Amino acid sequence: MGYTCFRTSEKGSFTVTGLTWAKAIVVEYALSETEAKKNLFEDGDLFYLNELDEE
């Protein structure tokens, strides 16, 4: 299974994963390209989509 990673300005990486069952997204990060290649992402923040809706 592959991931789409995004590079940060500090040479880290992050990935965004959708959790359809929770109606949320998770942002996980790795501090280096080596960690990202080894899939050593740290648990990040969980964002519930209903909380992101602007009303």
N, C-alpha and C. Protein backbone atom coordinates (compact mmCIF):
# COMPACT_ATOMS: atom_id res chain seq x y z
N MET A 1 0.85 -1.18 0.00
CA MET A 1 0.00 0.00 0.00
C MET A 1 0.89 1.23 0.00
N GLY A 2 0.65 2.14 -0.90
CA GLY A 2 1.46 3.34 -0.98
C GLY A 2 0.76 4.53 -0.36
N TYR A 3 1.54 5.51 -0.02
CA TYR A 3 1.03 6.74 0.58
C TYR A 3 1.47 7.91 -0.28
N THR A 4 0.64 8.94 -0.32
CA THR A 4 1.04 10.21 -0.91
C THR A 4 1.57 11.06 0.23
N CYS A 5 2.83 11.44 0.12
CA CYS A 5 3.47 12.25 1.15
C CYS A 5 3.72 13.65 0.63
N PHE A 6 3.68 14.59 1.52
CA PHE A 6 3.95 15.98 1.20
C PHE A 6 5.17 16.41 1.98
N ARG A 7 6.06 17.17 1.35
CA ARG A 7 7.30 17.62 1.97
C ARG A 7 7.06 18.93 2.69
N THR A 8 7.61 19.06 3.88
CA THR A 8 7.53 20.32 4.62
C THR A 8 8.76 21.17 4.31
N SER A 9 8.72 22.42 4.69
CA SER A 9 9.87 23.30 4.45
C SER A 9 11.07 22.91 5.30
N GLU A 10 10.84 22.13 6.37
CA GLU A 10 11.93 21.66 7.24
C GLU A 10 12.43 20.27 6.84
N LYS A 11 12.09 19.82 5.62
CA LYS A 11 12.50 18.52 5.07
C LYS A 11 11.87 17.32 5.76
N GLY A 12 10.79 17.56 6.46
CA GLY A 12 10.00 16.46 6.99
C GLY A 12 8.95 16.08 5.96
N SER A 13 8.09 15.16 6.31
CA SER A 13 7.01 14.73 5.42
C SER A 13 5.74 14.55 6.24
N PHE A 14 4.61 14.71 5.57
CA PHE A 14 3.35 14.39 6.23
C PHE A 14 2.41 13.74 5.23
N THR A 15 1.47 13.00 5.76
CA THR A 15 0.47 12.33 4.94
C THR A 15 -0.90 12.58 5.56
N VAL A 16 -1.90 12.59 4.71
CA VAL A 16 -3.28 12.79 5.15
C VAL A 16 -4.07 11.54 4.78
N THR A 17 -4.75 10.96 5.75
CA THR A 17 -5.52 9.75 5.53
C THR A 17 -6.97 10.00 5.91
N GLY A 18 -7.88 9.59 5.05
CA GLY A 18 -9.30 9.72 5.35
C GLY A 18 -9.81 8.51 6.10
N LEU A 19 -10.60 8.76 7.13
CA LEU A 19 -11.25 7.69 7.89
C LEU A 19 -12.75 7.81 7.66
N THR A 20 -13.25 7.13 6.64
CA THR A 20 -14.66 7.28 6.29
C THR A 20 -15.58 6.84 7.41
N TRP A 21 -15.20 5.81 8.15
CA TRP A 21 -16.05 5.31 9.24
C TRP A 21 -16.20 6.33 10.35
N ALA A 22 -15.22 7.23 10.50
CA ALA A 22 -15.28 8.25 11.54
C ALA A 22 -15.60 9.63 10.98
N LYS A 23 -15.72 9.72 9.64
CA LYS A 23 -15.92 11.00 8.98
C LYS A 23 -14.87 12.00 9.45
N ALA A 24 -13.61 11.57 9.31
CA ALA A 24 -12.49 12.37 9.80
C ALA A 24 -11.27 12.16 8.91
N ILE A 25 -10.29 13.02 9.09
CA ILE A 25 -8.98 12.85 8.45
C ILE A 25 -7.92 12.85 9.54
N VAL A 26 -6.83 12.16 9.27
CA VAL A 26 -5.69 12.10 10.19
C VAL A 26 -4.48 12.65 9.45
N VAL A 27 -3.76 13.53 10.10
CA VAL A 27 -2.51 14.06 9.56
C VAL A 27 -1.38 13.46 10.39
N GLU A 28 -0.50 12.68 9.72
CA GLU A 28 0.64 12.06 10.40
C GLU A 28 1.92 12.62 9.81
N TYR A 29 3.00 12.62 10.59
CA TYR A 29 4.22 13.25 10.12
C TYR A 29 5.45 12.39 10.41
N ALA A 30 6.47 12.61 9.59
CA ALA A 30 7.79 12.01 9.79
C ALA A 30 8.79 13.15 9.74
N LEU A 31 9.79 13.08 10.59
CA LEU A 31 10.75 14.19 10.70
C LEU A 31 11.81 14.19 9.61
N SER A 32 11.93 13.08 8.87
CA SER A 32 12.94 13.02 7.80
C SER A 32 12.43 12.14 6.67
N GLU A 33 13.09 12.25 5.52
CA GLU A 33 12.74 11.42 4.38
C GLU A 33 12.99 9.95 4.69
N THR A 34 14.05 9.67 5.43
CA THR A 34 14.37 8.29 5.81
C THR A 34 13.24 7.68 6.63
N GLU A 35 12.74 8.43 7.62
CA GLU A 35 11.62 7.94 8.43
C GLU A 35 10.38 7.70 7.57
N ALA A 36 10.12 8.61 6.65
CA ALA A 36 8.94 8.47 5.78
C ALA A 36 9.07 7.23 4.91
N LYS A 37 10.24 6.99 4.35
CA LYS A 37 10.45 5.81 3.51
C LYS A 37 10.28 4.52 4.29
N LYS A 38 10.58 4.56 5.58
CA LYS A 38 10.42 3.38 6.45
C LYS A 38 9.03 3.32 7.07
N ASN A 39 8.15 4.24 6.67
CA ASN A 39 6.78 4.32 7.18
C ASN A 39 6.75 4.54 8.69
N LEU A 40 7.68 5.34 9.19
CA LEU A 40 7.75 5.65 10.62
C LEU A 40 7.08 6.99 10.91
N PHE A 41 5.82 7.08 10.55
CA PHE A 41 5.07 8.31 10.78
C PHE A 41 4.58 8.35 12.22
N GLU A 42 4.68 9.52 12.82
CA GLU A 42 4.18 9.74 14.17
C GLU A 42 2.69 10.02 14.10
N ASP A 43 1.97 9.59 15.12
CA ASP A 43 0.54 9.90 15.17
C ASP A 43 0.38 11.40 15.20
N GLY A 44 -0.53 11.84 14.40
CA GLY A 44 -0.75 13.28 14.32
C GLY A 44 -2.11 13.65 14.86
N ASP A 45 -2.69 14.66 14.25
CA ASP A 45 -3.97 15.18 14.71
C ASP A 45 -5.11 14.55 13.94
N LEU A 46 -6.22 14.39 14.62
CA LEU A 46 -7.45 13.87 14.04
C LEU A 46 -8.41 15.04 13.88
N PHE A 47 -8.92 15.21 12.68
CA PHE A 47 -9.85 16.31 12.39
C PHE A 47 -11.17 15.71 11.93
N TYR A 48 -12.23 15.97 12.68
CA TYR A 48 -13.56 15.50 12.29
C TYR A 48 -14.15 16.47 11.28
N LEU A 49 -14.64 15.93 10.17
CA LEU A 49 -15.11 16.77 9.08
C LEU A 49 -16.29 17.64 9.48
N ASN A 50 -17.16 17.17 10.34
CA ASN A 50 -18.30 18.00 10.74
C ASN A 50 -17.85 19.21 11.55
N GLU A 51 -16.70 19.13 12.20
CA GLU A 51 -16.18 20.28 12.95
C GLU A 51 -15.49 21.29 12.03
N LEU A 52 -15.15 20.85 10.81
CA LEU A 52 -14.49 21.73 9.86
C LEU A 52 -15.48 22.49 8.99
N ASP A 53 -16.75 22.07 8.99
CA ASP A 53 -17.77 22.74 8.18
C ASP A 53 -18.01 24.15 8.71
N GLU A 54 -18.06 25.08 7.76
CA GLU A 54 -18.39 26.46 8.15
C GLU A 54 -19.89 26.63 8.01
N GLU A 55 -20.50 27.15 9.02
CA GLU A 55 -21.95 27.37 8.98
C GLU A 55 -22.25 28.84 8.98
